[in-house]
Amino acid sequence: MKFRSVFDIIGPVMIGPSSSHTAGAARIGLMARQLYGRQPKWAKIHLYGSFAKTYKGHGTDVALIGGLLSYDTDDERIKDAYKYAEEVGMNVEFVEEEGSAEHPNTARIRLGDDDGEFELVGISIGGGKAEITELNGFELRLTGQSPAILIMHDDRYGAIASVSKVLAEYEINIGHMEVSRKELGSDAMMIIETDGRLPAGVMEELKTCDHIKQVVTISD
């Protein structure tokens, strides 16, 4: 296995004892918060494998909550995440699952408020890194290591082309792209990782493209 830097081995600057159980968990929570696009009123978090067994001792619970509060891995407020969640009115419930998951450090998170909810699955893969592997029933692989755009759209001719046209007009290079759908002519999703941060205004323009339902972004 090749490592790009020492931080791929020892993990990032972080609060907590474990890069996998603390920093990785914070990254899962932070990506969930960015994808949701606003502060949720409640979160129900199902923990699997070693997450379920050691989450209190390793600070996985406060790390996940801290991420949902938009705290990064080195934010001192993570230690008191329960208090800050209460202050913003976010109720959090943890469920220790006895069943196994494909990855030992897995969290299934449901987020919601009065305007809607969604569900995702995140895994901590070591060194403080994390991936989102499922979102509202769609399988995907989202690392958060590069700026990314998530686009929910109708499975219609022209949707992908209209998005690509906007990105080309802003001279945004696509590093990786995935497209999936639940069934022919139904809901579909694009995941686009870009080589740089998105210029101001591109998100609003993408929302006006044909057949687009929702556009959210994750920054590295």
N, C-alpha and C. Protein backbone atom coordinates (compact mmCIF):
# COMPACT_ATOMS: atom_id res chain seq x y z
N MET A 1 0.85 -1.20 0.00
CA MET A 1 0.00 0.00 0.00
C MET A 1 0.88 1.25 0.00
N LYS A 2 0.58 2.22 -0.85
CA LYS A 2 1.34 3.45 -0.91
C LYS A 2 0.64 4.55 -0.13
N PHE A 3 1.43 5.38 0.57
CA PHE A 3 0.88 6.50 1.33
C PHE A 3 1.38 7.80 0.73
N ARG A 4 0.49 8.75 0.62
CA ARG A 4 0.88 10.03 0.05
C ARG A 4 1.61 10.91 1.06
N SER A 5 1.34 10.74 2.35
CA SER A 5 1.99 11.53 3.38
C SER A 5 1.98 10.78 4.69
N VAL A 6 2.73 11.30 5.67
CA VAL A 6 2.77 10.68 6.99
C VAL A 6 1.39 10.66 7.62
N PHE A 7 0.51 11.61 7.26
CA PHE A 7 -0.81 11.69 7.85
C PHE A 7 -1.71 10.55 7.38
N ASP A 8 -1.36 9.89 6.27
CA ASP A 8 -2.10 8.71 5.85
C ASP A 8 -1.85 7.55 6.81
N ILE A 9 -0.75 7.62 7.58
CA ILE A 9 -0.40 6.55 8.51
C ILE A 9 -0.85 6.88 9.92
N ILE A 10 -0.48 8.09 10.41
CA ILE A 10 -0.77 8.41 11.81
C ILE A 10 -2.08 9.17 11.98
N GLY A 11 -2.67 9.61 10.88
CA GLY A 11 -3.94 10.32 10.96
C GLY A 11 -3.75 11.82 11.07
N PRO A 12 -4.86 12.57 11.04
CA PRO A 12 -4.80 14.03 11.07
C PRO A 12 -4.65 14.55 12.49
N VAL A 13 -4.43 15.87 12.61
CA VAL A 13 -4.54 16.52 13.92
C VAL A 13 -5.98 16.36 14.37
N MET A 14 -6.16 15.88 15.62
CA MET A 14 -7.52 15.51 16.00
C MET A 14 -7.71 15.58 17.50
N ILE A 15 -8.98 15.62 17.88
CA ILE A 15 -9.39 15.47 19.27
C ILE A 15 -9.77 14.01 19.46
N GLY A 16 -9.23 13.34 20.48
CA GLY A 16 -9.63 11.96 20.72
C GLY A 16 -8.49 10.99 20.55
N PRO A 17 -8.68 9.75 20.99
CA PRO A 17 -7.59 8.77 21.04
C PRO A 17 -7.38 7.96 19.76
N SER A 18 -8.30 7.98 18.82
CA SER A 18 -8.23 7.05 17.70
C SER A 18 -8.51 7.74 16.38
N SER A 19 -7.61 7.54 15.40
CA SER A 19 -7.86 8.13 14.09
C SER A 19 -9.07 7.49 13.42
N SER A 20 -9.26 6.18 13.63
CA SER A 20 -10.38 5.49 13.01
C SER A 20 -11.69 5.78 13.74
N HIS A 21 -11.67 5.69 15.06
CA HIS A 21 -12.91 5.77 15.83
C HIS A 21 -13.30 7.20 16.18
N THR A 22 -12.34 8.12 16.15
CA THR A 22 -12.64 9.50 16.52
C THR A 22 -12.57 10.42 15.31
N ALA A 23 -11.39 10.56 14.71
CA ALA A 23 -11.26 11.46 13.57
C ALA A 23 -12.10 11.00 12.39
N GLY A 24 -12.07 9.69 12.11
CA GLY A 24 -12.88 9.17 11.01
C GLY A 24 -14.36 9.37 11.25
N ALA A 25 -14.78 9.17 12.50
CA ALA A 25 -16.18 9.38 12.85
C ALA A 25 -16.58 10.84 12.68
N ALA A 26 -15.68 11.75 13.07
CA ALA A 26 -15.96 13.18 12.89
C ALA A 26 -16.12 13.52 11.41
N ARG A 27 -15.31 12.89 10.55
CA ARG A 27 -15.42 13.12 9.12
C ARG A 27 -16.75 12.62 8.58
N ILE A 28 -17.21 11.47 9.07
CA ILE A 28 -18.52 10.96 8.65
C ILE A 28 -19.61 11.96 9.02
N GLY A 29 -19.58 12.43 10.26
CA GLY A 29 -20.58 13.39 10.72
C GLY A 29 -20.52 14.69 9.93
N LEU A 30 -19.31 15.15 9.63
CA LEU A 30 -19.16 16.41 8.91
C LEU A 30 -19.69 16.28 7.48
N MET A 31 -19.38 15.17 6.81
CA MET A 31 -19.90 14.98 5.45
C MET A 31 -21.42 14.86 5.45
N ALA A 32 -21.97 14.21 6.49
CA ALA A 32 -23.43 14.12 6.60
C ALA A 32 -24.03 15.51 6.75
N ARG A 33 -23.41 16.34 7.57
CA ARG A 33 -23.90 17.72 7.77
C ARG A 33 -23.83 18.52 6.48
N GLN A 34 -22.73 18.38 5.73
CA GLN A 34 -22.59 19.12 4.48
C GLN A 34 -23.60 18.64 3.44
N LEU A 35 -23.82 17.35 3.38
CA LEU A 35 -24.79 16.82 2.43
C LEU A 35 -26.21 17.23 2.77
N TYR A 36 -26.51 17.29 4.06
CA TYR A 36 -27.86 17.70 4.46
C TYR A 36 -28.07 19.18 4.17
N GLY A 37 -27.00 19.97 4.29
CA GLY A 37 -27.07 21.36 3.89
C GLY A 37 -27.54 22.33 4.94
N ARG A 38 -27.86 21.84 6.13
CA ARG A 38 -28.32 22.71 7.22
C ARG A 38 -28.23 21.94 8.53
N GLN A 39 -28.42 22.66 9.62
CA GLN A 39 -28.34 22.00 10.91
C GLN A 39 -29.59 21.15 11.15
N PRO A 40 -29.46 19.84 11.31
CA PRO A 40 -30.65 19.00 11.56
C PRO A 40 -31.18 19.21 12.97
N LYS A 41 -32.45 18.92 13.15
CA LYS A 41 -33.06 18.99 14.48
C LYS A 41 -32.87 17.69 15.25
N TRP A 42 -32.69 16.60 14.51
CA TRP A 42 -32.49 15.32 15.18
C TRP A 42 -31.63 14.40 14.33
N ALA A 43 -31.00 13.47 15.00
CA ALA A 43 -30.19 12.47 14.31
C ALA A 43 -30.32 11.15 15.06
N LYS A 44 -30.55 10.07 14.32
CA LYS A 44 -30.57 8.72 14.89
C LYS A 44 -29.44 7.96 14.23
N ILE A 45 -28.48 7.52 15.04
CA ILE A 45 -27.25 6.95 14.52
C ILE A 45 -27.12 5.50 14.95
N HIS A 46 -27.10 4.60 13.97
CA HIS A 46 -26.93 3.17 14.23
C HIS A 46 -25.46 2.83 14.05
N LEU A 47 -24.87 2.20 15.07
CA LEU A 47 -23.45 1.86 15.05
C LEU A 47 -23.27 0.36 14.90
N TYR A 48 -22.30 -0.03 14.07
CA TYR A 48 -22.05 -1.45 13.79
C TYR A 48 -20.60 -1.80 14.10
N GLY A 49 -20.36 -3.09 14.35
CA GLY A 49 -19.01 -3.59 14.53
C GLY A 49 -18.29 -2.96 15.71
N SER A 50 -17.03 -2.59 15.49
CA SER A 50 -16.25 -2.01 16.58
C SER A 50 -16.77 -0.64 16.99
N PHE A 51 -17.41 0.08 16.08
CA PHE A 51 -18.06 1.34 16.46
C PHE A 51 -19.06 1.09 17.59
N ALA A 52 -19.86 0.05 17.46
CA ALA A 52 -20.89 -0.24 18.45
C ALA A 52 -20.28 -0.68 19.78
N LYS A 53 -19.15 -1.36 19.72
CA LYS A 53 -18.56 -1.92 20.93
C LYS A 53 -17.76 -0.91 21.74
N THR A 54 -17.13 0.04 21.08
CA THR A 54 -16.18 0.93 21.77
C THR A 54 -16.49 2.41 21.62
N TYR A 55 -17.67 2.77 21.13
CA TYR A 55 -17.90 4.16 20.74
C TYR A 55 -17.81 5.15 21.89
N LYS A 56 -18.18 4.74 23.10
CA LYS A 56 -18.11 5.67 24.23
C LYS A 56 -16.67 5.86 24.69
N GLY A 57 -15.91 4.78 24.79
CA GLY A 57 -14.53 4.88 25.25
C GLY A 57 -13.61 5.58 24.27
N HIS A 58 -13.89 5.46 22.98
CA HIS A 58 -13.04 6.06 21.96
C HIS A 58 -13.56 7.41 21.46
N GLY A 59 -14.66 7.88 22.02
CA GLY A 59 -15.17 9.19 21.63
C GLY A 59 -15.84 9.21 20.27
N THR A 60 -16.27 8.05 19.79
CA THR A 60 -16.95 8.01 18.50
C THR A 60 -18.26 8.80 18.56
N ASP A 61 -18.94 8.72 19.69
CA ASP A 61 -20.23 9.41 19.81
C ASP A 61 -20.07 10.93 19.74
N VAL A 62 -19.12 11.49 20.51
CA VAL A 62 -18.94 12.94 20.48
C VAL A 62 -18.36 13.39 19.15
N ALA A 63 -17.55 12.52 18.52
CA ALA A 63 -16.98 12.88 17.22
C ALA A 63 -18.07 12.97 16.16
N LEU A 64 -18.98 12.00 16.13
CA LEU A 64 -20.08 12.04 15.17
C LEU A 64 -20.96 13.27 15.39
N ILE A 65 -21.27 13.55 16.66
CA ILE A 65 -22.08 14.72 16.97
C ILE A 65 -21.35 16.00 16.56
N GLY A 66 -20.04 16.05 16.87
CA GLY A 66 -19.25 17.22 16.49
C GLY A 66 -19.27 17.46 14.99
N GLY A 67 -19.15 16.38 14.22
CA GLY A 67 -19.23 16.52 12.77
C GLY A 67 -20.57 17.07 12.32
N LEU A 68 -21.65 16.58 12.95
CA LEU A 68 -22.99 17.08 12.61
C LEU A 68 -23.17 18.55 12.99
N LEU A 69 -22.31 19.03 13.89
CA LEU A 69 -22.33 20.45 14.27
C LEU A 69 -21.34 21.27 13.42
N SER A 70 -20.76 20.63 12.40
CA SER A 70 -19.80 21.26 11.48
C SER A 70 -18.43 21.47 12.10
N TYR A 71 -18.08 20.71 13.15
CA TYR A 71 -16.75 20.81 13.74
C TYR A 71 -15.79 19.90 12.98
N ASP A 72 -14.58 20.39 12.74
CA ASP A 72 -13.56 19.56 12.10
C ASP A 72 -12.88 18.68 13.14
N THR A 73 -11.99 17.80 12.68
CA THR A 73 -11.42 16.77 13.55
C THR A 73 -10.60 17.33 14.71
N ASP A 74 -10.06 18.55 14.58
CA ASP A 74 -9.21 19.11 15.62
C ASP A 74 -9.92 20.16 16.47
N ASP A 75 -11.24 20.25 16.36
CA ASP A 75 -12.00 21.26 17.09
C ASP A 75 -12.18 20.84 18.54
N GLU A 76 -11.72 21.68 19.47
CA GLU A 76 -11.79 21.37 20.90
C GLU A 76 -13.23 21.19 21.38
N ARG A 77 -14.19 21.77 20.67
CA ARG A 77 -15.58 21.67 21.10
C ARG A 77 -16.13 20.25 20.99
N ILE A 78 -15.45 19.39 20.25
CA ILE A 78 -15.90 18.00 20.11
C ILE A 78 -16.05 17.34 21.48
N LYS A 79 -15.15 17.67 22.40
CA LYS A 79 -15.19 17.06 23.74
C LYS A 79 -16.52 17.31 24.44
N ASP A 80 -17.14 18.45 24.16
CA ASP A 80 -18.41 18.82 24.80
C ASP A 80 -19.55 18.84 23.78
N ALA A 81 -19.48 17.93 22.81
CA ALA A 81 -20.44 17.95 21.70
C ALA A 81 -21.87 17.76 22.16
N TYR A 82 -22.10 16.93 23.18
CA TYR A 82 -23.46 16.74 23.68
C TYR A 82 -24.06 18.07 24.15
N LYS A 83 -23.24 18.85 24.86
CA LYS A 83 -23.71 20.14 25.37
C LYS A 83 -24.06 21.09 24.22
N TYR A 84 -23.19 21.15 23.22
CA TYR A 84 -23.42 22.07 22.11
C TYR A 84 -24.61 21.61 21.25
N ALA A 85 -24.80 20.30 21.13
CA ALA A 85 -25.96 19.80 20.40
C ALA A 85 -27.25 20.22 21.09
N GLU A 86 -27.24 20.16 22.42
CA GLU A 86 -28.43 20.59 23.18
C GLU A 86 -28.67 22.08 23.00
N GLU A 87 -27.59 22.85 22.95
CA GLU A 87 -27.74 24.29 22.81
C GLU A 87 -28.39 24.69 21.48
N VAL A 88 -28.10 23.93 20.41
CA VAL A 88 -28.70 24.26 19.11
C VAL A 88 -30.01 23.51 18.88
N GLY A 89 -30.44 22.72 19.87
CA GLY A 89 -31.71 22.02 19.76
C GLY A 89 -31.67 20.78 18.91
N MET A 90 -30.50 20.12 18.82
CA MET A 90 -30.39 18.89 18.03
C MET A 90 -30.42 17.69 18.97
N ASN A 91 -31.43 16.86 18.82
CA ASN A 91 -31.55 15.64 19.62
C ASN A 91 -30.85 14.49 18.91
N VAL A 92 -29.97 13.77 19.63
CA VAL A 92 -29.20 12.69 19.03
C VAL A 92 -29.45 11.40 19.80
N GLU A 93 -29.73 10.34 19.06
CA GLU A 93 -29.93 9.01 19.65
C GLU A 93 -28.97 8.02 19.00
N PHE A 94 -28.30 7.21 19.84
CA PHE A 94 -27.40 6.18 19.34
C PHE A 94 -28.03 4.80 19.55
N VAL A 95 -27.87 3.95 18.54
CA VAL A 95 -28.39 2.59 18.60
C VAL A 95 -27.22 1.64 18.35
N GLU A 96 -26.95 0.76 19.31
CA GLU A 96 -25.88 -0.22 19.16
C GLU A 96 -26.45 -1.46 18.46
N GLU A 97 -26.04 -1.68 17.23
CA GLU A 97 -26.55 -2.80 16.45
C GLU A 97 -25.71 -4.06 16.72
N GLU A 98 -26.38 -5.17 16.88
CA GLU A 98 -25.67 -6.44 17.10
C GLU A 98 -25.28 -7.11 15.79
N GLY A 99 -25.98 -6.80 14.73
CA GLY A 99 -25.67 -7.39 13.44
C GLY A 99 -24.37 -6.84 12.87
N SER A 100 -23.82 -7.54 11.91
CA SER A 100 -22.55 -7.14 11.31
C SER A 100 -22.80 -6.24 10.10
N ALA A 101 -21.74 -5.57 9.68
CA ALA A 101 -21.76 -4.76 8.47
C ALA A 101 -20.55 -5.14 7.63
N GLU A 102 -20.54 -4.68 6.38
CA GLU A 102 -19.42 -5.03 5.51
C GLU A 102 -18.10 -4.47 6.03
N HIS A 103 -18.16 -3.34 6.72
CA HIS A 103 -16.96 -2.73 7.29
C HIS A 103 -17.13 -2.62 8.80
N PRO A 104 -16.08 -2.88 9.60
CA PRO A 104 -16.23 -2.88 11.06
C PRO A 104 -16.52 -1.53 11.68
N ASN A 105 -16.14 -0.45 11.03
CA ASN A 105 -16.40 0.89 11.57
C ASN A 105 -17.48 1.57 10.73
N THR A 106 -18.72 1.19 10.98
CA THR A 106 -19.83 1.64 10.14
C THR A 106 -20.87 2.37 10.98
N ALA A 107 -21.37 3.49 10.43
CA ALA A 107 -22.46 4.23 11.05
C ALA A 107 -23.53 4.51 10.02
N ARG A 108 -24.76 4.19 10.35
CA ARG A 108 -25.92 4.55 9.53
C ARG A 108 -26.61 5.71 10.22
N ILE A 109 -26.70 6.84 9.53
CA ILE A 109 -27.21 8.07 10.14
C ILE A 109 -28.47 8.53 9.44
N ARG A 110 -29.51 8.75 10.22
CA ARG A 110 -30.73 9.41 9.73
C ARG A 110 -30.77 10.81 10.32
N LEU A 111 -30.96 11.80 9.46
CA LEU A 111 -31.03 13.19 9.87
C LEU A 111 -32.37 13.77 9.47
N GLY A 112 -32.86 14.72 10.24
CA GLY A 112 -34.12 15.31 9.85
C GLY A 112 -34.45 16.60 10.56
N ASP A 113 -35.43 17.29 10.02
CA ASP A 113 -36.05 18.46 10.65
C ASP A 113 -37.47 18.57 10.10
N ASP A 114 -38.11 19.70 10.31
CA ASP A 114 -39.50 19.86 9.87
C ASP A 114 -39.65 19.86 8.35
N ASP A 115 -38.55 20.09 7.63
CA ASP A 115 -38.62 20.19 6.17
C ASP A 115 -38.21 18.93 5.43
N GLY A 116 -37.75 17.91 6.15
CA GLY A 116 -37.37 16.69 5.47
C GLY A 116 -36.27 15.94 6.18
N GLU A 117 -35.93 14.78 5.65
CA GLU A 117 -34.90 13.95 6.25
C GLU A 117 -34.19 13.14 5.17
N PHE A 118 -33.05 12.60 5.54
CA PHE A 118 -32.38 11.63 4.68
C PHE A 118 -31.56 10.66 5.51
N GLU A 119 -31.02 9.65 4.84
CA GLU A 119 -30.27 8.59 5.51
C GLU A 119 -29.02 8.28 4.71
N LEU A 120 -27.93 8.07 5.41
CA LEU A 120 -26.69 7.70 4.74
C LEU A 120 -25.93 6.68 5.57
N VAL A 121 -24.98 6.02 4.93
CA VAL A 121 -24.08 5.07 5.59
C VAL A 121 -22.66 5.56 5.38
N GLY A 122 -21.91 5.66 6.48
CA GLY A 122 -20.52 6.08 6.41
C GLY A 122 -19.62 5.06 7.06
N ILE A 123 -18.39 4.94 6.56
CA ILE A 123 -17.41 4.04 7.15
C ILE A 123 -16.12 4.80 7.40
N SER A 124 -15.44 4.46 8.49
CA SER A 124 -14.14 5.02 8.80
C SER A 124 -13.09 4.03 8.35
N ILE A 125 -12.21 4.45 7.44
CA ILE A 125 -11.32 3.50 6.77
C ILE A 125 -9.88 3.58 7.27
N GLY A 126 -9.64 4.37 8.32
CA GLY A 126 -8.30 4.46 8.88
C GLY A 126 -7.61 5.76 8.56
N GLY A 127 -6.70 6.17 9.44
CA GLY A 127 -5.94 7.40 9.22
C GLY A 127 -6.79 8.65 9.24
N GLY A 128 -7.94 8.58 9.89
CA GLY A 128 -8.83 9.73 9.94
C GLY A 128 -9.67 9.93 8.70
N LYS A 129 -9.59 8.99 7.76
CA LYS A 129 -10.36 9.10 6.52
C LYS A 129 -11.70 8.38 6.63
N ALA A 130 -12.63 8.82 5.84
CA ALA A 130 -13.97 8.23 5.86
C ALA A 130 -14.57 8.24 4.47
N GLU A 131 -15.55 7.39 4.26
CA GLU A 131 -16.27 7.34 3.00
C GLU A 131 -17.76 7.24 3.28
N ILE A 132 -18.55 7.88 2.44
CA ILE A 132 -20.00 7.68 2.42
C ILE A 132 -20.27 6.63 1.35
N THR A 133 -20.90 5.53 1.75
CA THR A 133 -21.12 4.41 0.82
C THR A 133 -22.56 4.25 0.38
N GLU A 134 -23.47 4.98 1.01
CA GLU A 134 -24.88 4.89 0.63
C GLU A 134 -25.58 6.18 1.03
N LEU A 135 -26.47 6.65 0.18
CA LEU A 135 -27.25 7.85 0.47
C LEU A 135 -28.66 7.67 -0.07
N ASN A 136 -29.62 7.65 0.83
CA ASN A 136 -31.03 7.48 0.45
C ASN A 136 -31.24 6.31 -0.49
N GLY A 137 -30.55 5.21 -0.21
CA GLY A 137 -30.72 4.00 -1.01
C GLY A 137 -29.82 3.90 -2.22
N PHE A 138 -29.10 4.97 -2.56
CA PHE A 138 -28.16 4.94 -3.67
C PHE A 138 -26.79 4.49 -3.15
N GLU A 139 -26.18 3.55 -3.84
CA GLU A 139 -24.81 3.16 -3.52
C GLU A 139 -23.85 4.15 -4.17
N LEU A 140 -22.81 4.54 -3.44
CA LEU A 140 -21.83 5.48 -3.97
C LEU A 140 -20.53 5.33 -3.21
N ARG A 141 -19.55 6.08 -3.61
CA ARG A 141 -18.28 6.14 -2.90
C ARG A 141 -17.84 7.59 -2.88
N LEU A 142 -18.03 8.23 -1.73
CA LEU A 142 -17.72 9.64 -1.59
C LEU A 142 -16.74 9.81 -0.43
N THR A 143 -15.53 10.30 -0.72
CA THR A 143 -14.48 10.37 0.29
C THR A 143 -14.37 11.72 0.97
N GLY A 144 -14.80 12.78 0.32
CA GLY A 144 -14.61 14.11 0.88
C GLY A 144 -13.18 14.61 0.76
N GLN A 145 -12.30 13.87 0.07
CA GLN A 145 -10.92 14.29 -0.10
C GLN A 145 -10.77 15.37 -1.17
N SER A 146 -11.76 15.47 -2.05
CA SER A 146 -11.77 16.50 -3.09
C SER A 146 -13.12 17.20 -3.05
N PRO A 147 -13.19 18.47 -3.50
CA PRO A 147 -14.50 19.11 -3.61
C PRO A 147 -15.44 18.27 -4.46
N ALA A 148 -16.67 18.13 -4.04
CA ALA A 148 -17.60 17.26 -4.75
C ALA A 148 -18.98 17.90 -4.81
N ILE A 149 -19.70 17.55 -5.87
CA ILE A 149 -21.08 18.00 -6.05
C ILE A 149 -21.97 16.76 -6.09
N LEU A 150 -23.03 16.78 -5.32
CA LEU A 150 -24.04 15.72 -5.35
C LEU A 150 -25.31 16.31 -5.95
N ILE A 151 -25.80 15.69 -7.01
CA ILE A 151 -26.95 16.21 -7.75
C ILE A 151 -28.03 15.13 -7.83
N MET A 152 -29.18 15.41 -7.25
CA MET A 152 -30.35 14.54 -7.39
C MET A 152 -31.16 15.03 -8.59
N HIS A 153 -31.55 14.10 -9.47
CA HIS A 153 -32.24 14.53 -10.68
C HIS A 153 -33.17 13.43 -11.18
N ASP A 154 -34.03 13.81 -12.10
CA ASP A 154 -34.87 12.83 -12.78
C ASP A 154 -34.01 12.08 -13.80
N ASP A 155 -34.30 10.81 -13.97
CA ASP A 155 -33.59 10.01 -14.97
C ASP A 155 -34.16 10.33 -16.34
N ARG A 156 -33.68 11.44 -16.89
CA ARG A 156 -34.19 11.93 -18.17
C ARG A 156 -33.04 12.28 -19.10
N TYR A 157 -33.30 12.19 -20.38
CA TYR A 157 -32.32 12.58 -21.39
C TYR A 157 -31.96 14.06 -21.21
N GLY A 158 -30.68 14.37 -21.22
CA GLY A 158 -30.23 15.76 -21.18
C GLY A 158 -29.79 16.25 -19.82
N ALA A 159 -30.13 15.53 -18.74
CA ALA A 159 -29.78 15.99 -17.39
C ALA A 159 -28.26 16.06 -17.22
N ILE A 160 -27.57 15.01 -17.58
CA ILE A 160 -26.11 14.97 -17.42
C ILE A 160 -25.45 16.00 -18.34
N ALA A 161 -25.95 16.11 -19.54
CA ALA A 161 -25.37 17.05 -20.50
C ALA A 161 -25.51 18.50 -20.02
N SER A 162 -26.65 18.84 -19.42
CA SER A 162 -26.87 20.22 -18.98
C SER A 162 -25.94 20.57 -17.82
N VAL A 163 -25.69 19.61 -16.93
CA VAL A 163 -24.76 19.84 -15.83
C VAL A 163 -23.34 19.98 -16.35
N SER A 164 -22.94 19.10 -17.26
CA SER A 164 -21.59 19.15 -17.82
C SER A 164 -21.35 20.47 -18.55
N LYS A 165 -22.38 21.00 -19.20
CA LYS A 165 -22.24 22.26 -19.93
C LYS A 165 -21.93 23.40 -18.98
N VAL A 166 -22.63 23.45 -17.84
CA VAL A 166 -22.38 24.51 -16.86
C VAL A 166 -20.96 24.42 -16.32
N LEU A 167 -20.52 23.22 -15.98
CA LEU A 167 -19.16 23.06 -15.45
C LEU A 167 -18.12 23.45 -16.49
N ALA A 168 -18.37 23.15 -17.75
CA ALA A 168 -17.43 23.52 -18.81
C ALA A 168 -17.37 25.04 -18.97
N GLU A 169 -18.52 25.70 -18.86
CA GLU A 169 -18.55 27.16 -18.98
C GLU A 169 -17.75 27.83 -17.87
N TYR A 170 -17.72 27.22 -16.69
CA TYR A 170 -16.94 27.76 -15.57
C TYR A 170 -15.51 27.21 -15.56
N GLU A 171 -15.15 26.43 -16.58
CA GLU A 171 -13.82 25.83 -16.69
C GLU A 171 -13.48 24.98 -15.47
N ILE A 172 -14.44 24.18 -15.03
CA ILE A 172 -14.27 23.27 -13.91
C ILE A 172 -13.95 21.88 -14.45
N ASN A 173 -12.82 21.34 -14.05
CA ASN A 173 -12.43 20.02 -14.53
C ASN A 173 -12.98 18.94 -13.61
N ILE A 174 -13.56 17.90 -14.21
CA ILE A 174 -14.13 16.78 -13.47
C ILE A 174 -13.06 15.72 -13.25
N GLY A 175 -12.77 15.42 -11.96
CA GLY A 175 -11.79 14.40 -11.66
C GLY A 175 -12.38 13.00 -11.60
N HIS A 176 -13.63 12.92 -11.15
CA HIS A 176 -14.31 11.62 -11.05
C HIS A 176 -15.81 11.89 -11.09
N MET A 177 -16.53 10.97 -11.72
CA MET A 177 -17.99 11.14 -11.83
C MET A 177 -18.67 9.78 -11.77
N GLU A 178 -19.73 9.69 -10.98
CA GLU A 178 -20.56 8.49 -10.92
C GLU A 178 -22.01 8.88 -11.16
N VAL A 179 -22.74 8.06 -11.87
CA VAL A 179 -24.17 8.27 -12.11
C VAL A 179 -24.89 6.98 -11.78
N SER A 180 -25.94 7.07 -10.99
CA SER A 180 -26.72 5.88 -10.65
C SER A 180 -28.20 6.23 -10.61
N ARG A 181 -29.04 5.21 -10.74
CA ARG A 181 -30.47 5.41 -10.69
C ARG A 181 -31.12 4.22 -10.01
N LYS A 182 -32.29 4.45 -9.43
CA LYS A 182 -32.99 3.36 -8.76
C LYS A 182 -33.70 2.46 -9.77
N GLU A 183 -34.27 3.06 -10.80
CA GLU A 183 -34.88 2.31 -11.88
C GLU A 183 -35.06 3.23 -13.07
N LEU A 184 -35.27 2.66 -14.23
CA LEU A 184 -35.38 3.43 -15.46
C LEU A 184 -36.48 4.49 -15.36
N GLY A 185 -36.12 5.75 -15.64
CA GLY A 185 -37.07 6.84 -15.65
C GLY A 185 -37.45 7.36 -14.28
N SER A 186 -36.77 6.90 -13.21
CA SER A 186 -37.10 7.31 -11.85
C SER A 186 -36.05 8.28 -11.31
N ASP A 187 -35.84 8.27 -9.99
CA ASP A 187 -34.84 9.14 -9.37
C ASP A 187 -33.44 8.69 -9.76
N ALA A 188 -32.55 9.66 -9.92
CA ALA A 188 -31.17 9.37 -10.26
C ALA A 188 -30.27 10.33 -9.50
N MET A 189 -28.98 10.00 -9.47
CA MET A 189 -28.03 10.80 -8.71
C MET A 189 -26.70 10.86 -9.45
N MET A 190 -26.11 12.06 -9.46
CA MET A 190 -24.75 12.26 -9.95
C MET A 190 -23.85 12.64 -8.79
N ILE A 191 -22.66 12.04 -8.75
CA ILE A 191 -21.60 12.45 -7.84
C ILE A 191 -20.44 12.92 -8.72
N ILE A 192 -20.05 14.18 -8.56
CA ILE A 192 -18.98 14.74 -9.38
C ILE A 192 -17.90 15.30 -8.47
N GLU A 193 -16.70 14.75 -8.54
CA GLU A 193 -15.55 15.30 -7.82
C GLU A 193 -14.77 16.19 -8.78
N THR A 194 -14.41 17.38 -8.31
CA THR A 194 -13.73 18.36 -9.15
C THR A 194 -12.31 18.60 -8.67
N ASP A 195 -11.49 19.18 -9.55
CA ASP A 195 -10.09 19.43 -9.22
C ASP A 195 -9.89 20.67 -8.36
N GLY A 196 -10.92 21.48 -8.23
CA GLY A 196 -10.79 22.70 -7.43
C GLY A 196 -12.13 23.10 -6.86
N ARG A 197 -12.10 24.07 -5.97
CA ARG A 197 -13.32 24.57 -5.36
C ARG A 197 -14.22 25.23 -6.40
N LEU A 198 -15.50 25.21 -6.14
CA LEU A 198 -16.46 25.74 -7.10
C LEU A 198 -16.55 27.26 -6.99
N PRO A 199 -16.50 27.97 -8.11
CA PRO A 199 -16.65 29.42 -8.08
C PRO A 199 -18.04 29.83 -7.60
N ALA A 200 -18.13 31.02 -7.07
CA ALA A 200 -19.42 31.54 -6.61
C ALA A 200 -20.40 31.57 -7.78
N GLY A 201 -21.59 31.15 -7.53
CA GLY A 201 -22.65 31.21 -8.54
C GLY A 201 -22.89 29.92 -9.29
N VAL A 202 -21.90 29.00 -9.29
CA VAL A 202 -22.07 27.79 -10.08
C VAL A 202 -23.16 26.89 -9.49
N MET A 203 -23.28 26.86 -8.17
CA MET A 203 -24.29 26.02 -7.55
C MET A 203 -25.69 26.48 -7.92
N GLU A 204 -25.91 27.78 -7.89
CA GLU A 204 -27.23 28.32 -8.23
C GLU A 204 -27.57 28.05 -9.69
N GLU A 205 -26.56 28.12 -10.55
CA GLU A 205 -26.81 27.87 -11.97
C GLU A 205 -27.11 26.39 -12.21
N LEU A 206 -26.42 25.50 -11.48
CA LEU A 206 -26.69 24.08 -11.63
C LEU A 206 -28.13 23.73 -11.23
N LYS A 207 -28.66 24.44 -10.25
CA LYS A 207 -30.03 24.18 -9.80
C LYS A 207 -31.06 24.49 -10.88
N THR A 208 -30.70 25.32 -11.86
CA THR A 208 -31.64 25.69 -12.93
C THR A 208 -31.55 24.74 -14.12
N CYS A 209 -30.65 23.77 -14.08
CA CYS A 209 -30.50 22.86 -15.21
C CYS A 209 -31.73 21.96 -15.35
N ASP A 210 -31.90 21.42 -16.53
CA ASP A 210 -33.06 20.58 -16.82
C ASP A 210 -33.07 19.34 -15.93
N HIS A 211 -34.25 19.05 -15.37
CA HIS A 211 -34.53 17.82 -14.62
C HIS A 211 -33.79 17.72 -13.28
N ILE A 212 -33.20 18.82 -12.79
CA ILE A 212 -32.45 18.79 -11.53
C ILE A 212 -33.39 19.04 -10.36
N LYS A 213 -33.27 18.23 -9.32
CA LYS A 213 -34.11 18.36 -8.13
C LYS A 213 -33.38 19.03 -6.97
N GLN A 214 -32.11 18.63 -6.76
CA GLN A 214 -31.38 19.14 -5.60
C GLN A 214 -29.89 19.11 -5.93
N VAL A 215 -29.18 20.13 -5.44
CA VAL A 215 -27.73 20.22 -5.63
C VAL A 215 -27.10 20.60 -4.30
N VAL A 216 -26.14 19.81 -3.84
CA VAL A 216 -25.38 20.12 -2.64
C VAL A 216 -23.91 19.88 -2.92
N THR A 217 -23.04 20.47 -2.09
CA THR A 217 -21.62 20.33 -2.31
C THR A 217 -20.90 19.95 -1.03
N ILE A 218 -19.76 19.31 -1.19
CA ILE A 218 -18.85 19.00 -0.08
C ILE A 218 -17.50 19.59 -0.43
N SER A 219 -16.93 20.36 0.49
CA SER A 219 -15.61 20.93 0.28
C SER A 219 -14.58 20.14 1.04
N ASP A 220 -13.36 20.06 0.48
CA ASP A 220 -12.30 19.34 1.17
C ASP A 220 -11.76 20.15 2.34
